[in-house]
Amino acid sequence: MPAVGQSGSYEQFFVAIQRDDVRTLERLGRLGFDFNTPSPELEPPLFLAISQGSLRVARFLIGRPEVNVDARGSTDENPLMMAALRGHLDLVEALIARRAQVNKPGWTPLHYAATHKGPNAPAITRLLLEHHAFIDAESPNRTTPLMMAAHYGHPMVVRMLLEEGADPLARNQQGLTAIDFAHRAGRPDMAELIASFVRGSLPAGTW
């Protein structure tokens, strides 16, 4: 929490994040305000800006070298995960340039990129893979990025993950494969895409 003398600045800081108000942040920065100060709910400012869609503020904070780009929110999500989930390619690029963690235990930025269905999803997924994202990363219940893509994501992301070596037959704790995820989401085209990839990778007569 802020010191007593900073209480007014503290309130202004989080109002500015909500309003996507960079000018107020610049003024607070000149006064020495700590841009890593967590919200009352203990959410890091950069994570909060991205999750609220305050993209000008997010870009400003990423550009400040003192800002911790890996600070995690209350649900163990980091800014790179949120940027990937929302499809903000420029923020993903900027965070990676700041050496944000591409891999972490549990849910990862690649899981979140695979969940996004928008037009930037393939580029974000490719960028994460190029920076050594673990393609078969397991969530706490052993769900992989391919499973998330099969259920929610962009068809090109499903194909990309398969072509880059994702395991199409991996199972989560409930015993479900990526094909099962696709069927449960009512996406037979995704299920067939994965099944055809499996068939093509096995010797004749084994599928």
C-alpha atoms as a PDB file:
ATOM      1  CA  MET A   1       0.000   0.000   0.000  1.00  0.00           C
ATOM      2  CA  PRO A   2       1.188   3.591  -0.592  1.00  0.00           C
ATOM      3  CA  ALA A   3       2.547   5.845   2.108  1.00  0.00           C
ATOM      4  CA  VAL A   4       0.118   8.401   3.561  1.00  0.00           C
ATOM      5  CA  GLY A   5       1.604  11.201   1.478  1.00  0.00           C
ATOM      6  CA  GLN A   6       1.083   9.219  -1.707  1.00  0.00           C
ATOM      7  CA  SER A   7      -2.542   8.256  -1.127  1.00  0.00           C
ATOM      8  CA  GLY A   8      -3.874  10.847  -3.570  1.00  0.00           C
ATOM      9  CA  SER A   9      -1.400   9.756  -6.227  1.00  0.00           C
ATOM     10  CA  TYR A  10      -2.355   6.140  -5.614  1.00  0.00           C
ATOM     11  CA  GLU A  11      -5.995   6.827  -6.384  1.00  0.00           C
ATOM     12  CA  GLN A  12      -5.104   8.936  -9.406  1.00  0.00           C
ATOM     13  CA  PHE A  13      -2.867   6.175 -10.725  1.00  0.00           C
ATOM     14  CA  PHE A  14      -5.587   3.541 -10.891  1.00  0.00           C
ATOM     15  CA  VAL A  15      -8.201   5.962 -12.191  1.00  0.00           C
ATOM     16  CA  ALA A  16      -5.704   6.843 -14.960  1.00  0.00           C
ATOM     17  CA  ILE A  17      -5.267   3.163 -15.816  1.00  0.00           C
ATOM     18  CA  GLN A  18      -9.027   2.717 -16.039  1.00  0.00           C
ATOM     19  CA  ARG A  19      -9.347   5.810 -18.257  1.00  0.00           C
ATOM     20  CA  ASP A  20      -6.318   4.905 -20.399  1.00  0.00           C
ATOM     21  CA  ASP A  21      -4.829   8.262 -19.398  1.00  0.00           C
ATOM     22  CA  VAL A  22      -1.108   8.329 -20.188  1.00  0.00           C
ATOM     23  CA  ARG A  23      -0.657  12.033 -19.391  1.00  0.00           C
ATOM     24  CA  THR A  24      -1.555  11.469 -15.748  1.00  0.00           C
ATOM     25  CA  LEU A  25       0.892   8.582 -15.567  1.00  0.00           C
ATOM     26  CA  GLU A  26       3.628  10.754 -17.046  1.00  0.00           C
ATOM     27  CA  ARG A  27       2.933  13.381 -14.389  1.00  0.00           C
ATOM     28  CA  LEU A  28       2.954  10.797 -11.597  1.00  0.00           C
ATOM     29  CA  GLY A  29       6.208   9.401 -12.949  1.00  0.00           C
ATOM     30  CA  ARG A  30       7.839  12.822 -12.680  1.00  0.00           C
ATOM     31  CA  LEU A  31       6.738  12.849  -9.026  1.00  0.00           C
ATOM     32  CA  GLY A  32       8.471   9.524  -8.450  1.00  0.00           C
ATOM     33  CA  PHE A  33       5.400   7.297  -8.242  1.00  0.00           C
ATOM     34  CA  ASP A  34       6.198   3.569  -8.341  1.00  0.00           C
ATOM     35  CA  PHE A  35       4.563   2.077 -11.449  1.00  0.00           C
ATOM     36  CA  ASN A  36       4.789  -1.402  -9.918  1.00  0.00           C
ATOM     37  CA  THR A  37       2.408  -0.490  -7.087  1.00  0.00           C
ATOM     38  CA  PRO A  38      -0.354  -3.144  -6.965  1.00  0.00           C
ATOM     39  CA  SER A  39      -4.036  -2.280  -6.909  1.00  0.00           C
ATOM     40  CA  PRO A  40      -6.136  -2.753  -3.744  1.00  0.00           C
ATOM     41  CA  GLU A  41      -6.968  -6.206  -5.151  1.00  0.00           C
ATOM     42  CA  LEU A  42      -3.212  -6.863  -5.514  1.00  0.00           C
ATOM     43  CA  GLU A  43      -3.298  -6.800  -9.310  1.00  0.00           C
ATOM     44  CA  PRO A  44      -0.098  -5.491 -10.990  1.00  0.00           C
ATOM     45  CA  PRO A  45      -0.699  -2.266 -12.932  1.00  0.00           C
ATOM     46  CA  LEU A  46       0.526  -3.579 -16.299  1.00  0.00           C
ATOM     47  CA  PHE A  47      -1.608  -6.690 -16.044  1.00  0.00           C
ATOM     48  CA  LEU A  48      -4.576  -4.531 -15.037  1.00  0.00           C
ATOM     49  CA  ALA A  49      -4.102  -2.171 -17.988  1.00  0.00           C
ATOM     50  CA  ILE A  50      -4.054  -5.015 -20.514  1.00  0.00           C
ATOM     51  CA  SER A  51      -7.001  -6.840 -18.956  1.00  0.00           C
ATOM     52  CA  GLN A  52      -9.065  -3.618 -18.938  1.00  0.00           C
ATOM     53  CA  GLY A  53      -8.181  -2.762 -22.534  1.00  0.00           C
ATOM     54  CA  SER A  54      -6.231   0.378 -21.576  1.00  0.00           C
ATOM     55  CA  LEU A  55      -3.754  -0.156 -24.379  1.00  0.00           C
ATOM     56  CA  ARG A  56      -2.095   3.280 -24.421  1.00  0.00           C
ATOM     57  CA  VAL A  57      -1.319   2.889 -20.729  1.00  0.00           C
ATOM     58  CA  ALA A  58      -0.127  -0.674 -21.317  1.00  0.00           C
ATOM     59  CA  ARG A  59       2.299   0.491 -24.024  1.00  0.00           C
ATOM     60  CA  PHE A  60       3.523   3.294 -21.769  1.00  0.00           C
ATOM     61  CA  LEU A  61       4.164   0.912 -18.858  1.00  0.00           C
ATOM     62  CA  ILE A  62       5.945  -1.647 -21.044  1.00  0.00           C
ATOM     63  CA  GLY A  63       8.214   1.140 -22.233  1.00  0.00           C
ATOM     64  CA  ARG A  64       9.260   2.002 -18.677  1.00  0.00           C
ATOM     65  CA  PRO A  65      12.347  -0.080 -17.829  1.00  0.00           C
ATOM     66  CA  GLU A  66      11.512  -0.130 -14.123  1.00  0.00           C
ATOM     67  CA  VAL A  67       8.163  -1.859 -14.692  1.00  0.00           C
ATOM     68  CA  ASN A  68       8.165  -5.575 -13.885  1.00  0.00           C
ATOM     69  CA  VAL A  69       6.711  -7.138 -17.029  1.00  0.00           C
ATOM     70  CA  ASP A  70       6.387 -10.550 -15.350  1.00  0.00           C
ATOM     71  CA  ALA A  71       4.380  -9.494 -12.301  1.00  0.00           C
ATOM     72  CA  ARG A  72       1.459 -11.917 -11.988  1.00  0.00           C
ATOM     73  CA  GLY A  73      -2.130 -11.199 -11.101  1.00  0.00           C
ATOM     74  CA  SER A  74      -4.181 -12.812  -8.365  1.00  0.00           C
ATOM     75  CA  THR A  75      -4.947 -15.803 -10.619  1.00  0.00           C
ATOM     76  CA  ASP A  76      -1.264 -16.357 -11.537  1.00  0.00           C
ATOM     77  CA  GLU A  77      -1.692 -14.759 -14.979  1.00  0.00           C
ATOM     78  CA  ASN A  78       1.070 -12.547 -16.321  1.00  0.00           C
ATOM     79  CA  PRO A  79       0.819  -9.631 -18.786  1.00  0.00           C
ATOM     80  CA  LEU A  80       2.050 -11.745 -21.716  1.00  0.00           C
ATOM     81  CA  MET A  81      -0.744 -14.244 -21.132  1.00  0.00           C
ATOM     82  CA  MET A  82      -3.371 -11.500 -21.119  1.00  0.00           C
ATOM     83  CA  ALA A  83      -1.945  -9.838 -24.233  1.00  0.00           C
ATOM     84  CA  ALA A  84      -1.992 -13.201 -26.042  1.00  0.00           C
ATOM     85  CA  LEU A  85      -5.540 -13.939 -24.889  1.00  0.00           C
ATOM     86  CA  ARG A  86      -6.791 -10.568 -26.169  1.00  0.00           C
ATOM     87  CA  GLY A  87      -4.916 -10.847 -29.463  1.00  0.00           C
ATOM     88  CA  HIS A  88      -2.734  -7.754 -28.977  1.00  0.00           C
ATOM     89  CA  LEU A  89       0.183  -8.668 -31.236  1.00  0.00           C
ATOM     90  CA  ASP A  90       2.040  -5.385 -30.696  1.00  0.00           C
ATOM     91  CA  LEU A  91       1.932  -5.854 -26.919  1.00  0.00           C
ATOM     92  CA  VAL A  92       3.123  -9.447 -27.229  1.00  0.00           C
ATOM     93  CA  GLU A  93       6.043  -8.234 -29.370  1.00  0.00           C
ATOM     94  CA  ALA A  94       6.876  -5.449 -26.910  1.00  0.00           C
ATOM     95  CA  LEU A  95       6.702  -7.775 -23.896  1.00  0.00           C
ATOM     96  CA  ILE A  96       8.945 -10.353 -25.536  1.00  0.00           C
ATOM     97  CA  ALA A  97      11.382  -7.560 -26.425  1.00  0.00           C
ATOM     98  CA  ARG A  98      11.418  -6.783 -22.681  1.00  0.00           C
ATOM     99  CA  ARG A  99      12.265 -10.475 -22.073  1.00  0.00           C
ATOM    100  CA  ALA A 100       8.918 -11.364 -20.527  1.00  0.00           C
ATOM    101  CA  GLN A 101       8.660 -15.015 -19.512  1.00  0.00           C
ATOM    102  CA  VAL A 102       7.338 -17.105 -22.384  1.00  0.00           C
ATOM    103  CA  ASN A 103       7.230 -20.251 -20.243  1.00  0.00           C
ATOM    104  CA  LYS A 104       5.946 -20.676 -16.688  1.00  0.00           C
ATOM    105  CA  PRO A 105       4.459 -23.487 -14.588  1.00  0.00           C
ATOM    106  CA  GLY A 106       0.734 -24.055 -15.070  1.00  0.00           C
ATOM    107  CA  TRP A 107      -1.196 -22.066 -17.665  1.00  0.00           C
ATOM    108  CA  THR A 108       1.139 -20.354 -20.125  1.00  0.00           C
ATOM    109  CA  PRO A 109       1.040 -17.602 -22.756  1.00  0.00           C
ATOM    110  CA  LEU A 110       0.860 -20.312 -25.446  1.00  0.00           C
ATOM    111  CA  HIS A 111      -2.305 -21.757 -23.876  1.00  0.00           C
ATOM    112  CA  TYR A 112      -3.829 -18.300 -23.994  1.00  0.00           C
ATOM    113  CA  ALA A 113      -2.706 -17.579 -27.545  1.00  0.00           C
ATOM    114  CA  ALA A 114      -4.224 -20.889 -28.625  1.00  0.00           C
ATOM    115  CA  THR A 115      -7.521 -19.881 -27.017  1.00  0.00           C
ATOM    116  CA  HIS A 116      -7.822 -16.642 -28.999  1.00  0.00           C
ATOM    117  CA  LYS A 117      -9.803 -16.955 -32.235  1.00  0.00           C
ATOM    118  CA  GLY A 118      -9.034 -13.585 -33.797  1.00  0.00           C
ATOM    119  CA  PRO A 119      -6.871 -12.805 -36.828  1.00  0.00           C
ATOM    120  CA  ASN A 120      -3.709 -12.184 -34.778  1.00  0.00           C
ATOM    121  CA  ALA A 121      -3.791 -15.613 -33.122  1.00  0.00           C
ATOM    122  CA  PRO A 122      -1.537 -17.364 -35.683  1.00  0.00           C
ATOM    123  CA  ALA A 123       1.089 -14.609 -35.587  1.00  0.00           C
ATOM    124  CA  ILE A 124       1.122 -14.537 -31.792  1.00  0.00           C
ATOM    125  CA  THR A 125       1.366 -18.321 -31.625  1.00  0.00           C
ATOM    126  CA  ARG A 126       4.211 -18.322 -34.140  1.00  0.00           C
ATOM    127  CA  LEU A 127       6.049 -15.610 -32.204  1.00  0.00           C
ATOM    128  CA  LEU A 128       5.774 -17.535 -28.931  1.00  0.00           C
ATOM    129  CA  LEU A 129       7.007 -20.725 -30.579  1.00  0.00           C
ATOM    130  CA  GLU A 130       9.932 -18.845 -32.112  1.00  0.00           C
ATOM    131  CA  HIS A 131      10.845 -17.758 -28.582  1.00  0.00           C
ATOM    132  CA  HIS A 132      10.878 -21.338 -27.322  1.00  0.00           C
ATOM    133  CA  ALA A 133       7.382 -21.684 -25.891  1.00  0.00           C
ATOM    134  CA  PHE A 134       6.961 -25.288 -24.747  1.00  0.00           C
ATOM    135  CA  ILE A 135       4.486 -26.635 -27.281  1.00  0.00           C
ATOM    136  CA  ASP A 136       3.010 -29.341 -25.040  1.00  0.00           C
ATOM    137  CA  ALA A 137       2.936 -27.262 -21.851  1.00  0.00           C
ATOM    138  CA  GLU A 138       0.492 -28.732 -19.349  1.00  0.00           C
ATOM    139  CA  SER A 139      -1.943 -26.696 -17.287  1.00  0.00           C
ATOM    140  CA  PRO A 140      -2.664 -27.818 -13.706  1.00  0.00           C
ATOM    141  CA  ASN A 141      -5.175 -30.340 -15.134  1.00  0.00           C
ATOM    142  CA  ARG A 142      -2.737 -31.333 -17.936  1.00  0.00           C
ATOM    143  CA  THR A 143      -4.571 -29.473 -20.692  1.00  0.00           C
ATOM    144  CA  THR A 144      -2.252 -28.560 -23.572  1.00  0.00           C
ATOM    145  CA  PRO A 145      -2.301 -25.589 -25.962  1.00  0.00           C
ATOM    146  CA  LEU A 146      -3.484 -27.879 -28.774  1.00  0.00           C
ATOM    147  CA  MET A 147      -6.492 -28.904 -26.701  1.00  0.00           C
ATOM    148  CA  MET A 148      -7.355 -25.248 -26.087  1.00  0.00           C
ATOM    149  CA  ALA A 149      -6.963 -24.437 -29.775  1.00  0.00           C
ATOM    150  CA  ALA A 150      -9.154 -27.379 -30.763  1.00  0.00           C
ATOM    151  CA  HIS A 151     -11.942 -26.162 -28.478  1.00  0.00           C
ATOM    152  CA  TYR A 152     -11.714 -22.387 -28.870  1.00  0.00           C
ATOM    153  CA  GLY A 153      -9.018 -21.325 -31.270  1.00  0.00           C
ATOM    154  CA  HIS A 154      -8.181 -20.387 -34.835  1.00  0.00           C
ATOM    155  CA  PRO A 155      -7.949 -23.267 -37.358  1.00  0.00           C
ATOM    156  CA  MET A 156      -4.538 -22.037 -38.498  1.00  0.00           C
ATOM    157  CA  VAL A 157      -3.291 -22.273 -34.902  1.00  0.00           C
ATOM    158  CA  VAL A 158      -4.463 -25.890 -34.663  1.00  0.00           C
ATOM    159  CA  ARG A 159      -2.621 -26.695 -37.898  1.00  0.00           C
ATOM    160  CA  MET A 160       0.482 -24.765 -36.824  1.00  0.00           C
ATOM    161  CA  LEU A 161       0.715 -26.559 -33.487  1.00  0.00           C
ATOM    162  CA  LEU A 162       0.361 -29.929 -35.200  1.00  0.00           C
ATOM    163  CA  GLU A 163       2.983 -29.098 -37.818  1.00  0.00           C
ATOM    164  CA  GLU A 164       5.381 -27.852 -35.135  1.00  0.00           C
ATOM    165  CA  GLY A 165       5.163 -31.109 -33.201  1.00  0.00           C
ATOM    166  CA  ALA A 166       2.329 -30.831 -30.675  1.00  0.00           C
ATOM    167  CA  ASP A 167       1.198 -34.234 -29.430  1.00  0.00           C
ATOM    168  CA  PRO A 168      -2.323 -34.826 -30.820  1.00  0.00           C
ATOM    169  CA  LEU A 169      -2.849 -37.885 -28.625  1.00  0.00           C
ATOM    170  CA  ALA A 170      -1.935 -36.338 -25.264  1.00  0.00           C
ATOM    171  CA  ARG A 171      -4.661 -36.652 -22.628  1.00  0.00           C
ATOM    172  CA  ASN A 172      -5.572 -34.352 -19.775  1.00  0.00           C
ATOM    173  CA  GLN A 173      -6.558 -35.490 -16.287  1.00  0.00           C
ATOM    174  CA  GLN A 174     -10.047 -36.384 -17.522  1.00  0.00           C
ATOM    175  CA  GLY A 175      -8.580 -38.556 -20.252  1.00  0.00           C
ATOM    176  CA  LEU A 176      -9.606 -36.169 -23.044  1.00  0.00           C
ATOM    177  CA  THR A 177      -7.552 -35.603 -26.189  1.00  0.00           C
ATOM    178  CA  ALA A 178      -7.554 -32.595 -28.493  1.00  0.00           C
ATOM    179  CA  ILE A 179     -10.004 -34.462 -30.725  1.00  0.00           C
ATOM    180  CA  ASP A 180     -12.350 -34.847 -27.751  1.00  0.00           C
ATOM    181  CA  PHE A 181     -12.048 -31.116 -27.042  1.00  0.00           C
ATOM    182  CA  ALA A 182     -13.017 -30.346 -30.646  1.00  0.00           C
ATOM    183  CA  HIS A 183     -16.045 -32.654 -30.514  1.00  0.00           C
ATOM    184  CA  ARG A 184     -17.188 -31.191 -27.199  1.00  0.00           C
ATOM    185  CA  ALA A 185     -17.039 -27.718 -28.741  1.00  0.00           C
ATOM    186  CA  GLY A 186     -19.105 -28.816 -31.747  1.00  0.00           C
ATOM    187  CA  ARG A 187     -16.172 -28.351 -34.128  1.00  0.00           C
ATOM    188  CA  PRO A 188     -16.078 -31.480 -36.291  1.00  0.00           C
ATOM    189  CA  ASP A 189     -13.802 -29.746 -38.786  1.00  0.00           C
ATOM    190  CA  MET A 190     -11.158 -29.292 -36.077  1.00  0.00           C
ATOM    191  CA  ALA A 191     -11.601 -32.898 -34.939  1.00  0.00           C
ATOM    192  CA  GLU A 192     -11.119 -34.132 -38.511  1.00  0.00           C
ATOM    193  CA  LEU A 193      -8.081 -31.899 -39.034  1.00  0.00           C
ATOM    194  CA  ILE A 194      -6.393 -33.422 -35.981  1.00  0.00           C
ATOM    195  CA  ALA A 195      -7.506 -36.961 -36.848  1.00  0.00           C
ATOM    196  CA  SER A 196      -6.197 -36.643 -40.402  1.00  0.00           C
ATOM    197  CA  PHE A 197      -2.859 -35.453 -39.052  1.00  0.00           C
ATOM    198  CA  VAL A 198      -2.709 -38.499 -36.758  1.00  0.00           C
ATOM    199  CA  ARG A 199      -3.595 -40.822 -39.620  1.00  0.00           C
ATOM    200  CA  GLY A 200      -0.918 -39.274 -41.803  1.00  0.00           C
ATOM    201  CA  SER A 201       1.752 -39.757 -39.155  1.00  0.00           C
ATOM    202  CA  LEU A 202       1.088 -43.465 -38.496  1.00  0.00           C
ATOM    203  CA  PRO A 203       2.046 -46.503 -40.593  1.00  0.00           C
ATOM    204  CA  ALA A 204      -0.676 -47.746 -42.913  1.00  0.00           C
ATOM    205  CA  GLY A 205      -3.251 -49.924 -41.229  1.00  0.00           C
ATOM    206  CA  THR A 206      -2.704 -48.646 -37.693  1.00  0.00           C
ATOM    207  CA  TRP A 207      -5.564 -46.088 -37.539  1.00  0.00           C
END
